[in-house]
PDB file of N, CA and C in Angstrom:
ATOM      1  N   MET A   1      33.701  21.739  22.790  1.00  0.00           N
ATOM      2  CA  MET A   1      34.050  20.543  21.408  1.00  0.00           C
ATOM      3  C   MET A   1      33.092  19.208  21.680  1.00  0.00           C
ATOM      4  N   ARG A   2      33.094  18.737  23.030  1.00  0.00           N
ATOM      5  CA  ARG A   2      32.375  17.430  22.891  1.00  0.00           C
ATOM      6  C   ARG A   2      30.731  17.583  22.911  1.00  0.00           C
ATOM      7  N   LYS A   3      31.150  19.104  23.646  1.00  0.00           N
ATOM      8  CA  LYS A   3      29.561  19.283  23.393  1.00  0.00           C
ATOM      9  C   LYS A   3      29.158  19.234  21.660  1.00  0.00           C
ATOM     10  N   ARG A   4      29.358  20.312  21.092  1.00  0.00           N
ATOM     11  CA  ARG A   4      29.263  20.246  20.076  1.00  0.00           C
ATOM     12  C   ARG A   4      29.205  18.237  19.015  1.00  0.00           C
ATOM     13  N   MET A   5      30.377  17.746  19.672  1.00  0.00           N
ATOM     14  CA  MET A   5      30.159  16.498  18.630  1.00  0.00           C
ATOM     15  C   MET A   5      28.399  16.114  19.246  1.00  0.00           C
ATOM     16  N   MET A   6      28.566  16.048  20.237  1.00  0.00           N
ATOM     17  CA  MET A   6      27.469  14.885  21.032  1.00  0.00           C
ATOM     18  C   MET A   6      25.943  15.151  20.512  1.00  0.00           C
ATOM     19  N   SER A   7      26.158  16.992  20.264  1.00  0.00           N
ATOM     20  CA  SER A   7      24.730  17.467  19.173  1.00  0.00           C
ATOM     21  C   SER A   7      25.003  16.726  17.934  1.00  0.00           C
ATOM     22  N   GLY A   8      26.034  16.845  17.243  1.00  0.00           N
ATOM     23  CA  GLY A   8      26.280  16.237  16.144  1.00  0.00           C
ATOM     24  C   GLY A   8      25.455  15.207  15.754  1.00  0.00           C
ATOM     25  N   PHE A   9      25.601  14.213  17.043  1.00  0.00           N
ATOM     26  CA  PHE A   9      25.273  12.809  17.137  1.00  0.00           C
ATOM     27  C   PHE A   9      23.910  12.887  17.206  1.00  0.00           C
ATOM     28  N   ALA A  10      23.758  13.666  18.153  1.00  0.00           N
ATOM     29  CA  ALA A  10      21.932  13.629  18.336  1.00  0.00           C
ATOM     30  C   ALA A  10      21.051  14.164  17.102  1.00  0.00           C
ATOM     31  N   VAL A  11      21.106  14.964  16.237  1.00  0.00           N
ATOM     32  CA  VAL A  11      20.960  15.313  15.145  1.00  0.00           C
ATOM     33  C   VAL A  11      21.657  14.418  14.089  1.00  0.00           C
ATOM     34  N   LEU A  12      22.443  13.474  13.697  1.00  0.00           N
ATOM     35  CA  LEU A  12      22.488  12.343  12.776  1.00  0.00           C
ATOM     36  C   LEU A  12      21.487  11.296  13.447  1.00  0.00           C
ATOM     37  N   GLY A  13      21.003  10.952  14.730  1.00  0.00           N
ATOM     38  CA  GLY A  13      20.152   9.579  15.101  1.00  0.00           C
ATOM     39  C   GLY A  13      19.253  10.450  14.002  1.00  0.00           C
ATOM     40  N   LEU A  14      18.818  11.711  14.800  1.00  0.00           N
ATOM     41  CA  LEU A  14      17.701  11.994  14.193  1.00  0.00           C
ATOM     42  C   LEU A  14      16.705  12.123  13.131  1.00  0.00           C
ATOM     43  N   LEU A  15      18.196  12.615  11.677  1.00  0.00           N
ATOM     44  CA  LEU A  15      18.518  12.441  10.668  1.00  0.00           C
ATOM     45  C   LEU A  15      17.753  11.065  10.358  1.00  0.00           C
ATOM     46  N   ILE A  16      18.274   9.650  10.335  1.00  0.00           N
ATOM     47  CA  ILE A  16      17.873   8.298  10.445  1.00  0.00           C
ATOM     48  C   ILE A  16      17.164   7.657  11.002  1.00  0.00           C
ATOM     49  N   MET A  17      16.414   8.607  12.083  1.00  0.00           N
ATOM     50  CA  MET A  17      14.638   7.764  12.059  1.00  0.00           C
ATOM     51  C   MET A  17      13.840   8.636  11.641  1.00  0.00           C
ATOM     52  N   LEU A  18      14.487   9.313  10.753  1.00  0.00           N
ATOM     53  CA  LEU A  18      12.496  10.767   9.952  1.00  0.00           C
ATOM     54  C   LEU A  18      13.458  10.147   8.636  1.00  0.00           C
ATOM     55  N   ALA A  19      14.283   9.534   8.508  1.00  0.00           N
ATOM     56  CA  ALA A  19      14.578   9.112   7.283  1.00  0.00           C
ATOM     57  C   ALA A  19      13.702   7.438   6.987  1.00  0.00           C
ATOM     58  N   SER A  20      14.113   6.289   8.210  1.00  0.00           N
ATOM     59  CA  SER A  20      13.484   5.068   8.017  1.00  0.00           C
ATOM     60  C   SER A  20      12.713   5.169   8.040  1.00  0.00           C
ATOM     61  N   ALA A  21      11.781   3.749   7.287  1.00  0.00           N
ATOM     62  CA  ALA A  21      10.561   3.705   6.964  1.00  0.00           C
ATOM     63  C   ALA A  21       9.843   3.456   8.394  1.00  0.00           C
ATOM     64  N   SER A  22       8.718   3.263   8.306  1.00  0.00           N
ATOM     65  CA  SER A  22       8.156   3.224   9.753  1.00  0.00           C
ATOM     66  C   SER A  22       7.483   1.576  10.103  1.00  0.00           C
ATOM     67  N   PRO A  23       7.645   0.737  11.341  1.00  0.00           N
ATOM     68  CA  PRO A  23       7.888  -0.887  11.163  1.00  0.00           C
ATOM     69  C   PRO A  23       6.052  -0.911  10.295  1.00  0.00           C
ATOM     70  N   ALA A  24       5.208   0.120   9.979  1.00  0.00           N
ATOM     71  CA  ALA A  24       4.301  -0.393   9.461  1.00  0.00           C
ATOM     72  C   ALA A  24       3.648  -0.622   7.780  1.00  0.00           C
ATOM     73  N   ALA A  25       4.310   0.933   7.453  1.00  0.00           N
ATOM     74  CA  ALA A  25       4.876   0.982   5.869  1.00  0.00           C
ATOM     75  C   ALA A  25       6.223   0.346   5.441  1.00  0.00           C
ATOM     76  N   GLY A  26       5.335  -0.305   4.682  1.00  0.00           N
ATOM     77  CA  GLY A  26       5.945  -1.372   3.120  1.00  0.00           C
ATOM     78  C   GLY A  26       6.218  -2.259   3.943  1.00  0.00           C
ATOM     79  N   LYS A  27       5.603  -2.663   4.684  1.00  0.00           N
ATOM     80  CA  LYS A  27       5.647  -4.404   5.511  1.00  0.00           C
ATOM     81  C   LYS A  27       5.203  -5.379   4.616  1.00  0.00           C
ATOM     82  N   HIS A  28       4.239  -5.216   3.409  1.00  0.00           N
ATOM     83  CA  HIS A  28       4.082  -6.457   3.338  1.00  0.00           C
ATOM     84  C   HIS A  28       3.870  -5.598   1.501  1.00  0.00           C
ATOM     85  N   PRO A  29       5.137  -5.483   0.555  1.00  0.00           N
ATOM     86  CA  PRO A  29       4.681  -5.111  -0.340  1.00  0.00           C
ATOM     87  C   PRO A  29       4.117  -5.423  -1.027  1.00  0.00           C
ATOM     88  N   GLU A  30       4.315  -6.977  -1.859  1.00  0.00           N
ATOM     89  CA  GLU A  30       3.280  -7.716  -2.686  1.00  0.00           C
ATOM     90  C   GLU A  30       2.267  -7.228  -2.526  1.00  0.00           C
ATOM     91  N   ILE A  31       1.506  -7.406  -0.937  1.00  0.00           N
ATOM     92  CA  ILE A  31       0.396  -7.754  -0.776  1.00  0.00           C
ATOM     93  C   ILE A  31      -0.529  -6.244  -1.532  1.00  0.00           C
ATOM     94  N   GLU A  32       0.450  -4.730  -1.413  1.00  0.00           N
ATOM     95  CA  GLU A  32       0.250  -3.956  -1.939  1.00  0.00           C
ATOM     96  C   GLU A  32       0.030  -3.563  -2.801  1.00  0.00           C
ATOM     97  N   ASP A  33       0.690  -3.822  -3.934  1.00  0.00           N
ATOM     98  CA  ASP A  33       1.145  -4.272  -5.247  1.00  0.00           C
ATOM     99  C   ASP A  33      -0.356  -5.052  -6.246  1.00  0.00           C
ATOM    100  N   ALA A  34      -1.126  -5.723  -4.789  1.00  0.00           N
ATOM    101  CA  ALA A  34      -1.971  -6.798  -5.658  1.00  0.00           C
ATOM    102  C   ALA A  34      -2.891  -5.185  -5.368  1.00  0.00           C
ATOM    103  N   LEU A  35      -3.161  -4.852  -4.636  1.00  0.00           N
ATOM    104  CA  LEU A  35      -4.187  -3.911  -3.889  1.00  0.00           C
ATOM    105  C   LEU A  35      -4.133  -2.862  -5.139  1.00  0.00           C
ATOM    106  N   ALA A  36      -2.826  -2.501  -5.727  1.00  0.00           N
ATOM    107  CA  ALA A  36      -2.922  -1.250  -7.395  1.00  0.00           C
ATOM    108  C   ALA A  36      -3.529  -1.729  -7.990  1.00  0.00           C
ATOM    109  N   ALA A  37      -3.627  -3.140  -8.345  1.00  0.00           N
ATOM    110  CA  ALA A  37      -3.467  -3.885 -10.032  1.00  0.00           C
ATOM    111  C   ALA A  37      -4.841  -3.746  -9.376  1.00  0.00           C
ATOM    112  N   LEU A  38      -5.698  -4.499  -8.306  1.00  0.00           N
ATOM    113  CA  LEU A  38      -7.427  -4.542  -8.563  1.00  0.00           C
ATOM    114  C   LEU A  38      -7.415  -2.955  -8.392  1.00  0.00           C
ATOM    115  N   GLU A  39      -7.384  -2.714  -8.133  1.00  0.00           N
ATOM    116  CA  GLU A  39      -8.104  -0.876  -8.049  1.00  0.00           C
ATOM    117  C   GLU A  39      -8.064  -0.931  -9.076  1.00  0.00           C
ATOM    118  N   LYS A  40      -6.735  -0.886 -10.172  1.00  0.00           N
ATOM    119  CA  LYS A  40      -7.317  -0.590 -12.068  1.00  0.00           C
ATOM    120  C   LYS A  40      -7.580  -0.977 -12.316  1.00  0.00           C
ATOM    121  N   ALA A  41      -7.948  -2.978 -12.124  1.00  0.00           N
ATOM    122  CA  ALA A  41      -8.697  -3.410 -13.048  1.00  0.00           C
ATOM    123  C   ALA A  41      -9.806  -3.247 -12.752  1.00  0.00           C
ATOM    124  N   LYS A  42     -10.459  -2.777 -11.533  1.00  0.00           N
ATOM    125  CA  LYS A  42     -11.459  -2.596 -11.325  1.00  0.00           C
ATOM    126  C   LYS A  42     -12.002  -1.405 -11.973  1.00  0.00           C
ATOM    127  N   ALA A  43     -11.186   0.008 -11.575  1.00  0.00           N
ATOM    128  CA  ALA A  43     -11.718   1.265 -12.749  1.00  0.00           C
ATOM    129  C   ALA A  43     -11.528   1.215 -14.158  1.00  0.00           C
ATOM    130  N   HIS A  44     -11.322  -0.139 -15.184  1.00  0.00           N
ATOM    131  CA  HIS A  44     -11.088  -0.782 -16.210  1.00  0.00           C
ATOM    132  C   HIS A  44     -12.592  -0.960 -16.833  1.00  0.00           C
ATOM    133  N   LEU A  45     -12.437  -1.598 -15.474  1.00  0.00           N
ATOM    134  CA  LEU A  45     -14.094  -2.373 -15.915  1.00  0.00           C
ATOM    135  C   LEU A  45     -15.148  -1.324 -15.607  1.00  0.00           C
ATOM    136  N   GLN A  46     -14.867  -0.663 -14.657  1.00  0.00           N
ATOM    137  CA  GLN A  46     -15.832   0.587 -14.471  1.00  0.00           C
ATOM    138  C   GLN A  46     -16.557   1.163 -15.863  1.00  0.00           C
ATOM    139  N   GLN A  47     -15.170   1.886 -16.233  1.00  0.00           N
ATOM    140  CA  GLN A  47     -15.572   2.159 -17.112  1.00  0.00           C
ATOM    141  C   GLN A  47     -15.808   1.665 -18.458  1.00  0.00           C
ATOM    142  N   ALA A  48     -15.383   0.907 -18.750  1.00  0.00           N
ATOM    143  CA  ALA A  48     -15.637  -0.399 -19.577  1.00  0.00           C
ATOM    144  C   ALA A  48     -16.788   0.063 -20.400  1.00  0.00           C
ATOM    145  N   GLY A  49     -17.132   0.037 -21.702  1.00  0.00           N
ATOM    146  CA  GLY A  49     -18.779   0.317 -22.791  1.00  0.00           C
ATOM    147  C   GLY A  49     -18.977  -1.193 -22.603  1.00  0.00           C
ATOM    148  N   HIS A  50     -18.750  -1.801 -22.148  1.00  0.00           N
ATOM    149  CA  HIS A  50     -19.257  -3.106 -22.480  1.00  0.00           C
ATOM    150  C   HIS A  50     -19.539  -4.405 -21.139  1.00  0.00           C
ATOM    151  N   ASP A  51     -20.286  -4.988 -20.947  1.00  0.00           N
ATOM    152  CA  ASP A  51     -20.584  -5.691 -19.278  1.00  0.00           C
ATOM    153  C   ASP A  51     -19.658  -6.669 -19.222  1.00  0.00           C
ATOM    154  N   PHE A  52     -18.982  -7.140 -20.731  1.00  0.00           N
ATOM    155  CA  PHE A  52     -17.774  -8.754 -20.550  1.00  0.00           C
ATOM    156  C   PHE A  52     -19.163  -9.740 -20.621  1.00  0.00           C
ATOM    157  N   GLY A  53     -19.625  -9.556 -21.350  1.00  0.00           N
ATOM    158  CA  GLY A  53     -20.650 -11.258 -21.688  1.00  0.00           C
ATOM    159  C   GLY A  53     -21.320 -11.385 -20.122  1.00  0.00           C
ATOM    160  N   GLY A  54     -21.896 -10.122 -19.721  1.00  0.00           N
ATOM    161  CA  GLY A  54     -22.521 -10.064 -18.691  1.00  0.00           C
ATOM    162  C   GLY A  54     -21.318 -10.694 -16.731  1.00  0.00           C
ATOM    163  N   HIS A  55     -20.426 -10.563 -17.070  1.00  0.00           N
ATOM    164  CA  HIS A  55     -19.574 -10.636 -15.576  1.00  0.00           C
ATOM    165  C   HIS A  55     -18.878  -9.440 -15.131  1.00  0.00           C
ATOM    166  N   ARG A  56     -19.208  -8.691 -15.232  1.00  0.00           N
ATOM    167  CA  ARG A  56     -18.719  -7.559 -14.901  1.00  0.00           C
ATOM    168  C   ARG A  56     -18.694  -7.275 -13.721  1.00  0.00           C
ATOM    169  N   ASP A  57     -20.342  -7.156 -13.664  1.00  0.00           N
ATOM    170  CA  ASP A  57     -20.903  -6.666 -11.916  1.00  0.00           C
ATOM    171  C   ASP A  57     -20.006  -7.936 -10.713  1.00  0.00           C
ATOM    172  N   ASN A  58     -19.477  -8.628 -11.286  1.00  0.00           N
ATOM    173  CA  ASN A  58     -19.402  -9.887  -9.973  1.00  0.00           C
ATOM    174  C   ASN A  58     -17.640 -10.140 -10.426  1.00  0.00           C
ATOM    175  N   ALA A  59     -17.555  -9.683 -11.248  1.00  0.00           N
ATOM    176  CA  ALA A  59     -16.377  -9.037 -11.864  1.00  0.00           C
ATOM    177  C   ALA A  59     -15.456  -8.071 -10.505  1.00  0.00           C
ATOM    178  N   ILE A  60     -16.358  -7.292 -10.620  1.00  0.00           N
ATOM    179  CA  ILE A  60     -16.357  -6.224  -9.661  1.00  0.00           C
ATOM    180  C   ILE A  60     -15.843  -5.737  -8.463  1.00  0.00           C
ATOM    181  N   SER A  61     -17.654  -6.934  -7.889  1.00  0.00           N
ATOM    182  CA  SER A  61     -18.374  -8.194  -6.384  1.00  0.00           C
ATOM    183  C   SER A  61     -16.604  -8.384  -6.511  1.00  0.00           C
ATOM    184  N   ALA A  62     -16.327  -9.642  -6.578  1.00  0.00           N
ATOM    185  CA  ALA A  62     -14.658 -10.318  -6.318  1.00  0.00           C
ATOM    186  C   ALA A  62     -13.891  -9.473  -6.336  1.00  0.00           C
ATOM    187  N   ILE A  63     -13.551  -8.382  -6.471  1.00  0.00           N
ATOM    188  CA  ILE A  63     -12.353  -7.307  -6.585  1.00  0.00           C
ATOM    189  C   ILE A  63     -12.595  -6.731  -5.348  1.00  0.00           C
ATOM    190  N   ASN A  64     -14.252  -6.212  -4.713  1.00  0.00           N
ATOM    191  CA  ASN A  64     -14.351  -5.391  -3.727  1.00  0.00           C
ATOM    192  C   ASN A  64     -13.727  -6.719  -2.454  1.00  0.00           C
ATOM    193  N   GLY A  65     -14.476  -7.581  -2.941  1.00  0.00           N
ATOM    194  CA  GLY A  65     -14.115  -9.412  -1.700  1.00  0.00           C
ATOM    195  C   GLY A  65     -12.715  -8.823  -1.443  1.00  0.00           C
ATOM    196  N   ALA A  66     -12.126  -9.226  -2.915  1.00  0.00           N
ATOM    197  CA  ALA A  66     -10.629  -9.989  -2.500  1.00  0.00           C
ATOM    198  C   ALA A  66      -9.936  -7.935  -1.663  1.00  0.00           C
ATOM    199  N   GLU A  67     -10.081  -6.886  -1.976  1.00  0.00           N
ATOM    200  CA  GLU A  67      -8.997  -5.541  -1.871  1.00  0.00           C
ATOM    201  C   GLU A  67      -9.729  -5.945  -0.101  1.00  0.00           C
ATOM    202  N   LYS A  68     -11.442  -6.163   0.223  1.00  0.00           N
ATOM    203  CA  LYS A  68     -11.334  -6.285   1.567  1.00  0.00           C
ATOM    204  C   LYS A  68     -10.662  -7.114   2.356  1.00  0.00           C
ATOM    205  N   GLU A  69     -10.690  -8.350   2.029  1.00  0.00           N
ATOM    206  CA  GLU A  69      -9.239  -9.385   2.378  1.00  0.00           C
ATOM    207  C   GLU A  69      -7.779  -8.670   2.879  1.00  0.00           C
ATOM    208  N   LEU A  70      -7.214  -8.242   1.481  1.00  0.00           N
ATOM    209  CA  LEU A  70      -6.058  -7.677   1.166  1.00  0.00           C
ATOM    210  C   LEU A  70      -6.000  -6.931   2.178  1.00  0.00           C
ATOM    211  N   ARG A  71      -6.667  -5.765   2.571  1.00  0.00           N
ATOM    212  CA  ARG A  71      -6.770  -5.419   3.902  1.00  0.00           C
ATOM    213  C   ARG A  71      -6.900  -5.449   5.552  1.00  0.00           C
ATOM    214  N   ILE A  72      -7.093  -6.634   5.074  1.00  0.00           N
ATOM    215  CA  ILE A  72      -7.567  -7.333   6.277  1.00  0.00           C
ATOM    216  C   ILE A  72      -5.905  -7.969   6.752  1.00  0.00           C
ATOM    217  N   CYS A  73      -5.001  -8.856   5.476  1.00  0.00           N
ATOM    218  CA  CYS A  73      -4.231  -9.209   6.155  1.00  0.00           C
ATOM    219  C   CYS A  73      -2.823  -8.094   6.251  1.00  0.00           C
ATOM    220  N   LEU A  74      -3.092  -6.864   5.563  1.00  0.00           N
ATOM    221  CA  LEU A  74      -2.194  -5.689   5.898  1.00  0.00           C
ATOM    222  C   LEU A  74      -1.789  -5.502   7.600  1.00  0.00           C
ATOM    223  N   LYS A  75      -2.947  -5.979   7.642  1.00  0.00           N
ATOM    224  CA  LYS A  75      -3.058  -5.426   9.407  1.00  0.00           C
ATOM    225  C   LYS A  75      -1.721  -6.323  10.398  1.00  0.00           C
ATOM    226  N   TYR A  76      -1.657  -7.670  10.039  1.00  0.00           N
ATOM    227  CA  TYR A  76      -0.872  -8.753   9.713  1.00  0.00           C
ATOM    228  C   TYR A  76       1.054  -8.012   9.542  1.00  0.00           C
TER     229      TYR A  76
END
């Protein structure tokens, strides 16, 4: 009986560990949301039929720079 109960606790503990998120994942959800928004904006600009008065290339470059900085932020 005791062995069965200890096995049950071990399985329960393992399930809890597997269900919980890793410490690195989801640590900065706002930054992850910002990255997703930037990727969407960049895709829109890249697929656009016009150059937004000559500002499209500069905007894409700025987005690339922002994405780079945000990925660095995710490391902390």
